Amino acid sequence: MRLQPNAENSSLLQTEALASVLMAMEPLVVWCIAHGIGHGQLSRALKHVFFENACQQLQEKNVRVTDSALSLLSGLHKVDIGTFKHVKRLKQSQPYDERLRRQVLQHSVSISPAQQVLALWRVLKLPNQLPYKTMDTTLVPVDHSTAQTGGTPHHIQSFSDLVKSAKRTTSQGYSPRLVLQEMKRQGYVMEEEDMVTLCLYDKVQAEQIEHRQKQFFAASHDFLRAGIANLQPDQAPAFLEANLNGDHFSAESVHELQNMARQWWTQALQQIGERAVHLNEQDEKQGATQRMRFGVYFFAEDMPEPEPTPTEELSATPLAPSVFTFPLNGKSPLNKP
């Protein structure tokens, strides 16, 4: 039974909820860092997510959506709320296509120093290859109007000059070498023999990567929503959400189990898929509005190193047995009925 919040346990429940959110966020943060998204960018983007969900919850509870109510529920400053309301009016005044989606996101996200250098490189129409350092250490401030008039900023003779010309990198004290390392890590540039070369990606390949990312996060989004919905006291019937979890496997055993899971998924997909196609054909004619997603996952990794046990307690401490958990109504699916 889910514990209901009250004056005594509300603080404890919030602490536990935040700890759970941080655990779920960890793999997302790993992905963000790998793609050059820092804490500041993610924090700004999350403001818009808090705003949209606060609006939705107030509307569902028939509460007047005021700036004060939104600020109290979401924790956002009223200045941010005013900005997001303006963006929302823009969305409602014209079709919400991909171009507008990117404009909305730009109201919430600031680009990283590496991305700013990359953007400045393209806007100023510099050569695709620059030396890392300039022989002449005197740097003339960048005249950004050259990009608009079609002129060439001849005073930027190297990658170091370019980095020093970017306002964000200069104000935050990032060195050209540090920015270069970050841009190499993200695949923006290559360095060879003191020359920095801009990496130009194939448009088709970039679109394929973006499509795979959208598919993955759409599936992850629904998976999280199913679990969170099951935590609500009024959710009935519960969504299917179960897993088999075990420790102390060899790599060979994990490989065998993963192959079994793939074979089972192929069979399940064929059976459920055929039925889904049949039902969809007849339901769509009747104007049905429900959507669904059914999927599986398999994950494995090395177990974390155990904490060192004091020598005097080692002999008295039994070895931990392999752990299995079956979060399916608290019963093992291996038990016979």
Protein backbone atom coordinates (compact mmCIF):
# COMPACT_ATOMS: atom_id res chain seq x y z
CA MET A 1 0.00 0.00 0.00
CA ARG A 2 1.31 3.41 -0.94
CA LEU A 3 2.08 5.71 1.99
CA GLN A 4 -0.11 8.80 1.87
CA PRO A 5 1.62 12.14 2.55
CA ASN A 6 0.74 14.05 5.70
CA ALA A 7 2.25 16.77 7.86
CA GLU A 8 4.61 14.32 9.56
CA ASN A 9 5.99 12.29 6.67
CA SER A 10 5.86 14.79 3.78
CA SER A 11 9.51 15.76 4.18
CA LEU A 12 10.60 12.13 4.27
CA LEU A 13 8.56 11.28 1.17
CA GLN A 14 10.03 14.22 -0.73
CA THR A 15 13.55 13.14 0.23
CA GLU A 16 12.90 9.58 -0.92
CA ALA A 17 11.30 10.80 -4.15
CA LEU A 18 14.28 13.04 -4.90
CA ALA A 19 16.70 10.17 -4.25
CA SER A 20 14.74 8.01 -6.69
CA VAL A 21 14.78 10.76 -9.32
CA LEU A 22 18.55 11.15 -8.97
CA MET A 23 19.00 7.41 -9.45
CA ALA A 24 16.90 7.52 -12.62
CA MET A 25 18.76 10.61 -13.83
CA GLU A 26 22.24 9.08 -13.56
CA PRO A 27 22.23 7.29 -16.96
CA LEU A 28 20.68 10.38 -18.54
CA VAL A 29 23.48 12.55 -17.13
CA VAL A 30 26.03 10.10 -18.57
CA TRP A 31 24.35 10.53 -21.97
CA CYS A 32 24.24 14.33 -21.59
CA ILE A 33 27.95 14.59 -20.78
CA ALA A 34 28.79 12.32 -23.70
CA HIS A 35 26.91 14.70 -26.01
CA GLY A 36 28.28 17.94 -24.59
CA ILE A 37 25.21 18.90 -22.56
CA GLY A 38 26.30 20.44 -19.27
CA HIS A 39 24.46 21.06 -16.01
CA GLY A 40 23.58 24.64 -16.96
CA GLN A 41 21.99 23.62 -20.26
CA LEU A 42 20.03 20.76 -18.69
CA SER A 43 18.89 22.95 -15.79
CA ARG A 44 17.59 25.63 -18.17
CA ALA A 45 15.79 23.07 -20.33
CA LEU A 46 14.17 21.45 -17.28
CA LYS A 47 12.58 24.78 -16.37
CA HIS A 48 10.31 24.49 -19.40
CA VAL A 49 9.42 20.90 -18.47
CA PHE A 50 8.45 22.01 -14.95
CA PHE A 51 6.39 24.86 -16.40
CA GLU A 52 4.42 22.66 -18.81
CA ASN A 53 3.69 19.98 -16.20
CA ALA A 54 2.68 22.55 -13.57
CA CYS A 55 0.20 24.04 -16.07
CA GLN A 56 -1.22 20.60 -16.79
CA GLN A 57 -1.63 19.64 -13.13
CA LEU A 58 -3.37 22.92 -12.27
CA GLN A 59 -5.76 22.47 -15.18
CA GLU A 60 -6.53 18.87 -14.20
CA LYS A 61 -7.40 20.04 -10.68
CA ASN A 62 -9.52 22.93 -12.01
CA VAL A 63 -7.23 25.48 -10.34
CA ARG A 64 -6.78 28.88 -11.94
CA VAL A 65 -3.44 28.97 -13.77
CA THR A 66 -1.83 32.14 -12.41
CA ASP A 67 1.83 33.10 -12.22
CA SER A 68 1.77 32.70 -8.44
CA ALA A 69 0.16 29.25 -8.62
CA LEU A 70 2.69 28.11 -11.23
CA SER A 71 5.59 29.48 -9.22
CA LEU A 72 4.43 27.78 -6.03
CA LEU A 73 3.88 24.42 -7.71
CA SER A 74 6.98 24.35 -9.93
CA GLY A 75 9.46 26.40 -7.93
CA LEU A 76 10.14 28.60 -10.98
CA HIS A 77 10.77 32.33 -10.80
CA LYS A 78 7.95 34.48 -12.16
CA VAL A 79 10.31 35.97 -14.76
CA ASP A 80 10.82 32.48 -16.25
CA ILE A 81 7.08 31.83 -16.12
CA GLY A 82 6.41 35.04 -18.05
CA THR A 83 8.90 33.97 -20.73
CA PHE A 84 7.38 30.52 -21.07
CA LYS A 85 3.87 31.97 -21.30
CA HIS A 86 5.02 34.12 -24.20
CA VAL A 87 6.50 31.05 -25.91
CA LYS A 88 3.26 29.15 -25.30
CA ARG A 89 1.27 31.90 -27.02
CA LEU A 90 3.63 31.61 -30.00
CA LYS A 91 2.99 27.87 -30.15
CA GLN A 92 -0.77 28.38 -30.11
CA SER A 93 -0.68 31.07 -32.81
CA GLN A 94 0.98 28.93 -35.51
CA PRO A 95 1.48 25.27 -36.44
CA TYR A 96 3.89 23.55 -34.05
CA ASP A 97 6.35 22.09 -36.52
CA GLU A 98 9.98 21.01 -36.07
CA ARG A 99 11.28 24.52 -36.74
CA LEU A 100 9.12 26.01 -34.00
CA ARG A 101 10.09 23.18 -31.62
CA ARG A 102 13.72 24.20 -31.97
CA GLN A 103 12.82 27.85 -31.39
CA VAL A 104 10.99 26.94 -28.19
CA LEU A 105 13.98 24.95 -27.02
CA GLN A 106 16.31 27.86 -27.69
CA HIS A 107 14.33 29.96 -25.18
CA SER A 108 15.39 27.49 -22.49
CA VAL A 109 18.82 26.22 -23.50
CA SER A 110 22.14 28.04 -23.68
CA ILE A 111 24.85 26.55 -25.85
CA SER A 112 28.06 25.22 -24.34
CA PRO A 113 31.46 26.91 -24.88
CA ALA A 114 32.47 24.20 -27.36
CA GLN A 115 29.24 24.69 -29.32
CA GLN A 116 29.72 28.46 -29.31
CA VAL A 117 33.20 28.09 -30.82
CA LEU A 118 31.79 25.71 -33.41
CA ALA A 119 28.97 28.13 -34.27
CA LEU A 120 31.40 31.07 -34.49
CA TRP A 121 33.64 29.04 -36.81
CA ARG A 122 30.74 28.47 -39.19
CA VAL A 123 29.18 31.93 -38.95
CA LEU A 124 32.48 33.68 -39.72
CA LYS A 125 32.97 31.31 -42.69
CA LEU A 126 36.51 30.44 -41.67
CA PRO A 127 38.50 27.75 -43.51
CA ASN A 128 37.73 24.18 -42.46
CA GLN A 129 41.33 23.82 -41.29
CA LEU A 130 43.13 26.21 -38.93
CA PRO A 131 46.53 26.05 -37.22
CA TYR A 132 46.30 25.60 -33.48
CA LYS A 133 48.42 28.66 -32.68
CA THR A 134 49.10 32.00 -34.35
CA MET A 135 52.67 33.16 -34.79
CA ASP A 136 51.59 36.73 -34.05
CA THR A 137 50.26 36.77 -30.46
CA THR A 138 48.45 40.09 -30.97
CA LEU A 139 44.74 39.43 -31.31
CA VAL A 140 42.38 42.03 -32.70
CA PRO A 141 38.83 41.77 -31.25
CA VAL A 142 36.39 40.01 -33.54
CA ASP A 143 34.08 42.17 -35.63
CA HIS A 144 31.04 39.88 -35.89
CA SER A 145 29.57 42.11 -38.61
CA THR A 146 32.04 40.57 -41.09
CA ALA A 147 29.86 37.50 -41.23
CA GLN A 148 26.87 39.58 -42.28
CA THR A 149 28.75 41.60 -44.94
CA GLY A 150 30.52 38.58 -46.37
CA GLY A 151 33.96 39.80 -45.27
CA THR A 152 36.71 37.52 -43.99
CA PRO A 153 37.97 38.07 -40.41
CA HIS A 154 41.66 37.92 -41.35
CA HIS A 155 42.74 38.66 -37.77
CA ILE A 156 41.56 35.16 -36.76
CA GLN A 157 44.48 33.15 -37.99
CA SER A 158 44.28 30.11 -35.71
CA PHE A 159 42.03 27.97 -33.56
CA SER A 160 43.39 29.70 -30.45
CA ASP A 161 42.36 33.06 -31.88
CA LEU A 162 38.90 31.68 -32.53
CA VAL A 163 38.48 30.42 -28.97
CA LYS A 164 39.66 33.72 -27.50
CA SER A 165 37.12 35.50 -29.70
CA ALA A 166 34.17 33.57 -28.26
CA LYS A 167 32.55 35.54 -25.47
CA ARG A 168 31.56 32.52 -23.34
CA THR A 169 34.99 30.88 -23.37
CA THR A 170 36.69 34.19 -22.60
CA SER A 171 34.36 35.14 -19.74
CA GLN A 172 34.59 31.71 -18.12
CA GLY A 173 38.34 31.42 -18.48
CA TYR A 174 38.50 28.30 -20.67
CA SER A 175 41.87 27.82 -22.38
CA PRO A 176 42.07 26.98 -26.12
CA ARG A 177 43.63 23.60 -25.30
CA LEU A 178 40.77 22.69 -22.96
CA VAL A 179 38.14 23.73 -25.52
CA LEU A 180 39.98 21.77 -28.21
CA GLN A 181 39.96 18.63 -26.06
CA GLU A 182 36.20 18.97 -25.52
CA MET A 183 35.51 19.57 -29.21
CA LYS A 184 37.62 16.52 -30.13
CA ARG A 185 35.72 14.44 -27.56
CA GLN A 186 32.40 15.42 -29.13
CA GLY A 187 33.68 14.75 -32.65
CA TYR A 188 33.48 18.35 -33.85
CA VAL A 189 37.14 18.60 -34.88
CA MET A 190 40.31 16.58 -35.48
CA GLU A 191 43.88 17.59 -34.59
CA GLU A 192 46.94 16.50 -36.56
CA GLU A 193 50.39 18.10 -36.64
CA ASP A 194 49.24 21.30 -34.93
CA MET A 195 46.37 21.68 -37.40
CA VAL A 196 42.72 21.66 -36.30
CA THR A 197 40.25 20.40 -38.89
CA LEU A 198 36.48 20.86 -38.77
CA CYS A 199 34.61 17.57 -39.11
CA LEU A 200 31.84 17.77 -41.71
CA TYR A 201 29.15 15.14 -41.19
CA ASP A 202 27.02 13.52 -43.81
CA LYS A 203 23.48 14.93 -43.60
CA VAL A 204 21.84 11.53 -44.11
CA GLN A 205 23.97 9.98 -41.36
CA ALA A 206 23.11 12.82 -38.97
CA GLU A 207 19.38 12.39 -39.67
CA GLN A 208 19.64 8.63 -39.01
CA ILE A 209 21.34 9.24 -35.66
CA GLU A 210 18.69 11.80 -34.67
CA HIS A 211 15.93 9.35 -35.66
CA ARG A 212 17.40 6.58 -33.49
CA GLN A 213 17.72 8.97 -30.56
CA LYS A 214 14.07 10.01 -30.88
CA GLN A 215 12.95 6.36 -30.96
CA PHE A 216 15.02 5.46 -27.91
CA PHE A 217 13.86 8.36 -25.75
CA ALA A 218 10.24 7.91 -26.79
CA ALA A 219 10.41 4.31 -25.56
CA SER A 220 12.24 5.31 -22.37
CA HIS A 221 9.65 8.03 -21.75
CA ASP A 222 6.77 5.55 -21.86
CA PHE A 223 8.66 3.05 -19.70
CA LEU A 224 9.15 5.66 -16.96
CA ARG A 225 5.53 6.80 -17.22
CA ALA A 226 4.30 3.23 -16.75
CA GLY A 227 6.33 2.80 -13.57
CA ILE A 228 5.39 6.21 -12.16
CA ALA A 229 1.72 5.64 -12.95
CA ASN A 230 1.82 2.38 -10.99
CA LEU A 231 2.99 4.36 -7.93
CA GLN A 232 -0.21 6.40 -7.95
CA PRO A 233 -2.89 5.16 -5.52
CA ASP A 234 -5.73 5.55 -8.06
CA GLN A 235 -4.01 3.71 -10.94
CA ALA A 236 -6.08 0.64 -11.82
CA PRO A 237 -5.45 -1.62 -13.51
CA ALA A 238 -1.67 -1.38 -13.16
CA PHE A 239 0.50 -1.29 -16.28
CA LEU A 240 2.67 -4.29 -17.04
CA GLU A 241 6.02 -3.48 -15.42
CA ALA A 242 8.19 -6.39 -14.26
CA ASN A 243 11.75 -7.60 -14.50
CA LEU A 244 14.04 -10.49 -13.58
CA ASN A 245 17.11 -9.31 -11.72
CA GLY A 246 20.06 -11.46 -10.63
CA ASP A 247 23.68 -11.16 -9.52
CA HIS A 248 26.86 -13.29 -9.78
CA PHE A 249 26.67 -14.41 -13.42
CA SER A 250 29.56 -15.12 -15.75
CA ALA A 251 29.85 -13.29 -19.07
CA GLU A 252 29.04 -16.53 -20.89
CA SER A 253 25.86 -17.03 -18.87
CA VAL A 254 24.74 -13.45 -19.49
CA HIS A 255 25.34 -13.93 -23.23
CA GLU A 256 23.25 -17.11 -23.22
CA LEU A 257 20.38 -15.45 -21.35
CA GLN A 258 20.46 -12.45 -23.66
CA ASN A 259 20.17 -14.71 -26.70
CA MET A 260 17.21 -16.46 -25.08
CA ALA A 261 15.59 -13.08 -24.42
CA ARG A 262 16.05 -12.02 -28.05
CA GLN A 263 14.49 -15.26 -29.30
CA TRP A 264 11.54 -14.86 -26.94
CA TRP A 265 11.07 -11.24 -28.04
CA THR A 266 10.99 -12.26 -31.71
CA GLN A 267 8.25 -14.78 -30.96
CA ALA A 268 6.30 -12.41 -28.73
CA LEU A 269 6.56 -9.59 -31.25
CA GLN A 270 5.13 -11.80 -33.98
CA GLN A 271 2.22 -13.02 -31.84
CA ILE A 272 1.29 -9.70 -30.27
CA GLY A 273 2.11 -7.78 -33.44
CA GLU A 274 -0.31 -9.79 -35.57
CA ARG A 275 -3.07 -9.30 -33.02
CA ALA A 276 -2.26 -5.58 -32.72
CA VAL A 277 -2.52 -5.07 -36.48
CA HIS A 278 -5.91 -6.83 -36.56
CA LEU A 279 -7.31 -4.79 -33.66
CA ASN A 280 -5.91 -1.54 -35.01
CA GLU A 281 -7.60 -2.01 -38.37
CA GLN A 282 -11.02 -2.43 -36.81
CA ASP A 283 -10.58 0.18 -34.02
CA GLU A 284 -9.29 2.91 -36.30
CA LYS A 285 -12.47 2.78 -38.35
CA GLN A 286 -14.42 3.53 -35.16
CA GLY A 287 -12.29 6.57 -34.30
CA ALA A 288 -10.42 5.02 -31.35
CA THR A 289 -7.97 7.39 -29.62
CA GLN A 290 -5.84 5.17 -27.37
CA ARG A 291 -2.15 4.51 -28.06
CA MET A 292 0.08 1.78 -26.62
CA ARG A 293 3.68 0.64 -26.48
CA PHE A 294 4.96 -2.83 -25.62
CA GLY A 295 8.66 -3.50 -25.30
CA VAL A 296 11.39 -5.36 -23.45
CA TYR A 297 14.96 -4.66 -22.45
CA PHE A 298 18.00 -6.62 -21.32
CA PHE A 299 20.88 -5.01 -19.45
CA ALA A 300 24.04 -6.37 -17.85
CA GLU A 301 27.24 -4.94 -16.40
CA ASP A 302 30.01 -5.81 -13.95
CA MET A 303 28.95 -5.79 -10.33
CA PRO A 304 30.40 -2.94 -8.24
CA GLU A 305 33.42 -3.77 -6.12
CA PRO A 306 32.34 -4.83 -2.62
CA GLU A 307 33.36 -2.65 0.27
CA PRO A 308 36.44 -3.99 2.09
CA THR A 309 35.57 -6.15 5.09
CA PRO A 310 37.64 -5.79 8.28
CA THR A 311 40.01 -8.75 8.73
CA GLU A 312 38.60 -9.65 12.12
CA GLU A 313 35.09 -9.97 10.68
CA LEU A 314 36.03 -11.79 7.49
CA SER A 315 35.81 -15.31 8.90
CA ALA A 316 32.50 -14.63 10.59
CA THR A 317 30.91 -13.08 7.49
CA PRO A 318 29.20 -15.62 5.19
CA LEU A 319 29.48 -15.19 1.44
CA ALA A 320 26.50 -13.34 -0.01
CA PRO A 321 24.28 -15.67 -2.05
CA SER A 322 23.15 -14.79 -5.54
CA VAL A 323 20.30 -12.31 -5.33
CA PHE A 324 17.11 -12.66 -7.36
CA THR A 325 14.21 -10.24 -7.22
CA PHE A 326 10.88 -10.67 -8.97
CA PRO A 327 8.85 -7.42 -8.80
CA LEU A 328 5.72 -9.05 -10.19
CA ASN A 329 3.13 -8.85 -7.39
CA GLY A 330 5.92 -9.90 -5.03
CA LYS A 331 5.94 -13.46 -6.42
CA SER A 332 8.54 -15.37 -8.37
CA PRO A 333 7.48 -16.15 -11.95
CA LEU A 334 9.46 -19.37 -11.62
CA ASN A 335 7.08 -20.77 -9.00
CA LYS A 336 4.52 -23.19 -10.29
CA PRO A 337 0.87 -22.23 -9.73
